Amino acid sequence: MSSAVEAAAARQKKAADDEARDAKKFRDSQLKGEIHAGPSMKPYGSAPVPPASTAATEQPPAKARKLNDVLDRGESEKPKEKKVDPGPDESLMNRPKWYSKIKQAQWWYYHGALQTPQGPFYPGQMRDWFTQGYFTQDHPVAPSFQGEMPQNYSRIVEAFPHPVYETAFVPGPGIANYPPEEQFVEVKKEVTKEELVRSLMKATPGQEFQMSAISFN
């Protein structure tokens, strides 16, 4: 009877020892991280770590970043409207009488240093000098429509509409912009008998020619 009791007690003690050993082994595995926690659990002694592929490289979408930048600067995404230069006040401009006919001007004059008229010049020539800085917007000029000497001069800024650097000295249809190209006519010189003999003697060195030996028809 006593032996049966002792055997039962030994089995209970062994089961208790095995259970305690398994529990200790489980706790040790959790502490070492060998057993991963589930979605609602946290590993012992450490904070949750995101996957390595997204922890340092993942960024918000480009549109979100752009919107955040705009909001941080306090600016809107609406593009700025380009300011248009209205030009000078027409009520303050002293337009010349020939202002409406400037496209028909065949030639132009300008005042020199001593207020003497210089010209006539073609529109393209005047425009080149103006855009290259030889004339200012206040330089006095005047048009010539039929070759007449103009009398009424006006400042460039008042002689042409705004913007003056785009409209100054631009001729209308049928008006020559530059002078016609000069045509060179070659004049043939008549060669005398003496010049012909000299050229033959120079062309054949070492040989003597006598003018009397050459007959001319």
Protein backbone atom coordinates (compact mmCIF):
# COMPACT_ATOMS: atom_id res chain seq x y z
CA MET A 1 0.00 0.00 0.00
CA SER A 2 2.78 2.45 0.88
CA SER A 3 4.64 1.69 -2.34
CA ALA A 4 1.62 2.65 -4.44
CA VAL A 5 1.28 5.95 -2.58
CA GLU A 6 4.95 6.75 -3.03
CA ALA A 7 4.75 6.01 -6.77
CA ALA A 8 1.77 8.33 -7.19
CA ALA A 9 3.52 11.10 -5.27
CA ALA A 10 6.64 10.70 -7.46
CA ARG A 11 4.57 11.02 -10.66
CA GLN A 12 2.87 14.19 -9.40
CA LYS A 13 6.23 15.72 -8.45
CA LYS A 14 7.69 14.86 -11.86
CA ALA A 15 4.68 16.43 -13.64
CA ALA A 16 4.99 19.58 -11.54
CA ASP A 17 8.72 19.79 -12.31
CA ASP A 18 8.11 19.31 -16.02
CA GLU A 19 5.45 22.03 -16.04
CA ALA A 20 7.70 24.45 -14.18
CA ARG A 21 10.59 23.68 -16.56
CA ASP A 22 8.37 24.30 -19.64
CA ALA A 23 7.06 27.56 -18.22
CA LYS A 24 10.62 28.79 -17.52
CA LYS A 25 11.70 27.78 -21.02
CA PHE A 26 8.78 29.72 -22.56
CA ARG A 27 9.58 32.87 -20.54
CA ASP A 28 13.24 32.65 -21.53
CA SER A 29 12.29 32.35 -25.19
CA GLN A 30 10.09 35.46 -24.98
CA LEU A 31 12.83 37.47 -23.33
CA LYS A 32 15.29 36.46 -26.07
CA GLY A 33 12.80 37.37 -28.82
CA GLU A 34 12.63 33.86 -30.16
CA ILE A 35 8.86 33.83 -29.78
CA HIS A 36 7.30 36.77 -31.74
CA ALA A 37 4.39 38.63 -30.29
CA GLY A 38 1.05 38.76 -32.06
CA PRO A 39 -0.78 41.87 -33.36
CA SER A 40 -2.14 42.78 -29.92
CA MET A 41 1.00 41.84 -27.95
CA LYS A 42 4.36 43.55 -27.40
CA PRO A 43 7.67 41.75 -26.97
CA TYR A 44 9.12 41.92 -23.50
CA GLY A 45 11.60 44.71 -22.88
CA SER A 46 11.44 46.26 -26.43
CA ALA A 47 9.26 48.59 -28.53
CA PRO A 48 7.69 47.55 -31.83
CA VAL A 49 10.09 48.01 -34.80
CA PRO A 50 8.70 48.65 -38.29
CA PRO A 51 9.97 46.58 -41.22
CA ALA A 52 13.44 47.58 -42.40
CA SER A 53 12.26 48.22 -45.96
CA THR A 54 9.95 51.10 -44.94
CA ALA A 55 11.41 52.38 -41.66
CA ALA A 56 13.83 54.88 -43.27
CA THR A 57 12.88 55.11 -46.94
CA GLU A 58 9.12 55.54 -47.09
CA GLN A 59 8.02 59.13 -47.85
CA PRO A 60 4.66 60.75 -48.53
CA PRO A 61 3.54 60.99 -52.18
CA ALA A 62 4.90 63.85 -54.31
CA LYS A 63 1.53 65.65 -54.41
CA ALA A 64 1.28 65.49 -50.62
CA ARG A 65 4.81 66.85 -50.21
CA LYS A 66 4.11 69.71 -52.63
CA LEU A 67 0.89 70.61 -50.80
CA ASN A 68 2.69 70.54 -47.45
CA ASP A 69 5.42 72.84 -48.79
CA VAL A 70 2.82 75.28 -50.08
CA LEU A 71 0.95 75.27 -46.81
CA ASP A 72 4.17 75.72 -44.83
CA ARG A 73 5.09 78.80 -46.85
CA GLY A 74 1.60 80.19 -46.57
CA GLU A 75 1.28 80.42 -50.36
CA SER A 76 -1.42 79.18 -52.69
CA GLU A 77 -0.98 77.02 -55.77
CA LYS A 78 -2.65 79.63 -57.97
CA PRO A 79 -0.10 80.98 -60.52
CA LYS A 80 0.82 84.61 -60.27
CA GLU A 81 -0.70 86.84 -62.91
CA LYS A 82 1.81 88.50 -65.23
CA LYS A 83 1.71 92.26 -64.99
CA VAL A 84 1.10 94.04 -68.29
CA ASP A 85 2.84 97.35 -68.84
CA PRO A 86 0.07 99.80 -69.80
CA GLY A 87 2.61 102.20 -71.31
CA PRO A 88 2.65 105.98 -71.00
CA ASP A 89 -0.47 108.01 -70.38
CA GLU A 90 -1.76 109.05 -73.82
CA SER A 91 -3.16 112.26 -72.38
CA LEU A 92 0.40 113.36 -71.58
CA MET A 93 1.85 112.47 -74.99
CA ASN A 94 2.37 115.18 -77.59
CA ARG A 95 1.73 113.14 -80.73
CA PRO A 96 2.85 114.78 -84.01
CA LYS A 97 0.47 115.51 -86.88
CA TRP A 98 2.01 112.73 -89.00
CA TYR A 99 1.64 110.13 -86.21
CA SER A 100 -1.11 108.19 -88.03
CA LYS A 101 0.97 107.97 -91.26
CA ILE A 102 4.31 106.71 -89.90
CA LYS A 103 3.96 103.36 -91.71
CA GLN A 104 3.95 105.22 -95.03
CA ALA A 105 7.22 107.09 -94.45
CA GLN A 106 9.84 106.15 -97.03
CA TRP A 107 12.73 107.93 -95.31
CA TRP A 108 13.57 109.44 -91.94
CA TYR A 109 15.60 112.38 -90.68
CA TYR A 110 17.05 113.07 -87.24
CA HIS A 111 18.60 116.08 -85.56
CA GLY A 112 22.38 116.06 -85.18
CA ALA A 113 24.43 117.45 -82.31
CA LEU A 114 23.97 121.02 -83.56
CA GLN A 115 20.23 120.53 -84.21
CA THR A 116 20.92 120.20 -87.92
CA PRO A 117 18.84 117.72 -89.93
CA GLN A 118 20.59 114.51 -90.92
CA GLY A 119 19.14 112.28 -93.64
CA PRO A 120 17.40 110.89 -95.48
CA PHE A 121 17.81 107.35 -94.14
CA TYR A 122 15.79 104.20 -94.72
CA PRO A 123 13.57 102.86 -91.88
CA GLY A 124 15.77 99.79 -91.34
CA GLN A 125 18.86 101.94 -90.90
CA MET A 126 17.14 104.12 -88.30
CA ARG A 127 15.78 101.11 -86.45
CA ASP A 128 19.23 99.49 -86.27
CA TRP A 129 20.74 102.65 -84.79
CA PHE A 130 17.88 102.98 -82.31
CA THR A 131 17.97 99.39 -81.03
CA GLN A 132 21.77 99.53 -80.79
CA GLY A 133 21.58 102.56 -78.49
CA TYR A 134 22.71 105.35 -80.81
CA PHE A 135 19.38 107.12 -80.31
CA THR A 136 17.45 107.54 -77.06
CA GLN A 137 13.67 107.63 -76.83
CA ASP A 138 13.89 111.43 -76.55
CA HIS A 139 15.84 111.92 -79.78
CA PRO A 140 13.93 114.09 -82.32
CA VAL A 141 13.09 112.45 -85.65
CA ALA A 142 10.83 113.23 -88.59
CA PRO A 143 9.50 111.28 -91.59
CA SER A 144 9.79 112.03 -95.29
CA PHE A 145 6.99 110.64 -97.43
CA GLN A 146 7.86 111.87 -100.95
CA GLY A 147 11.47 112.99 -100.52
CA GLU A 148 10.55 116.34 -98.99
CA MET A 149 12.62 117.91 -96.21
CA PRO A 150 10.54 117.54 -92.99
CA GLN A 151 9.95 120.49 -90.70
CA ASN A 152 8.00 118.96 -87.83
CA TYR A 153 10.26 116.82 -85.59
CA SER A 154 9.09 114.75 -82.64
CA ARG A 155 10.63 112.59 -79.93
CA ILE A 156 10.85 108.87 -80.78
CA VAL A 157 8.75 107.93 -77.76
CA GLU A 158 5.95 110.20 -79.06
CA ALA A 159 6.40 109.37 -82.74
CA PHE A 160 5.61 105.64 -82.33
CA PRO A 161 3.03 103.68 -80.30
CA HIS A 162 3.86 101.66 -77.19
CA PRO A 163 5.99 99.53 -76.87
CA VAL A 164 8.30 101.82 -78.78
CA TYR A 165 11.19 99.33 -79.08
CA GLU A 166 8.91 97.02 -81.05
CA THR A 167 7.19 99.61 -83.26
CA ALA A 168 9.83 102.27 -83.96
CA PHE A 169 10.82 102.63 -87.63
CA VAL A 170 8.90 99.55 -88.78
CA PRO A 171 7.72 100.32 -92.34
CA GLY A 172 4.37 99.38 -93.79
CA PRO A 173 3.70 97.18 -96.84
CA GLY A 174 5.50 98.27 -99.99
CA ILE A 175 8.01 100.50 -98.17
CA ALA A 176 11.70 99.60 -98.60
CA ASN A 177 13.37 98.82 -95.31
CA TYR A 178 16.94 99.21 -96.59
CA PRO A 179 18.51 100.84 -99.65
CA PRO A 180 18.73 98.66 -102.77
CA GLU A 181 22.01 96.83 -103.25
CA GLU A 182 24.47 98.65 -105.46
CA GLN A 183 25.11 96.97 -108.78
CA PHE A 184 28.70 97.00 -110.00
CA VAL A 185 29.10 97.09 -113.79
CA GLU A 186 32.41 95.84 -115.07
CA VAL A 187 33.86 98.18 -117.71
CA LYS A 188 36.01 96.42 -120.24
CA LYS A 189 39.09 98.37 -121.22
CA GLU A 190 40.26 98.27 -124.83
CA VAL A 191 43.73 96.73 -125.15
CA THR A 192 46.21 98.45 -127.47
CA LYS A 193 48.73 96.65 -129.70
CA GLU A 194 51.66 97.71 -127.51
CA GLU A 195 49.97 96.36 -124.33
CA LEU A 196 49.23 93.07 -126.07
CA VAL A 197 52.89 92.66 -127.12
CA ARG A 198 54.11 93.41 -123.58
CA SER A 199 51.72 90.85 -122.11
CA LEU A 200 52.95 88.22 -124.59
CA MET A 201 56.59 88.96 -123.73
CA LYS A 202 55.87 88.63 -119.98
CA ALA A 203 53.93 85.41 -120.52
CA THR A 204 56.85 83.72 -122.36
CA PRO A 205 60.11 84.60 -120.57
CA GLY A 206 63.37 83.76 -122.34
CA GLN A 207 61.96 84.42 -125.78
CA GLU A 208 62.41 87.65 -127.68
CA PHE A 209 59.56 89.18 -129.60
CA GLN A 210 59.80 91.90 -132.11
CA MET A 211 56.80 94.13 -132.48
CA SER A 212 57.37 94.23 -136.23
CA ALA A 213 57.19 90.45 -136.40
CA ILE A 214 53.65 90.40 -135.04
CA SER A 215 51.04 91.27 -137.58
CA PHE A 216 47.65 92.50 -136.58
CA ASN A 217 44.67 92.10 -138.85
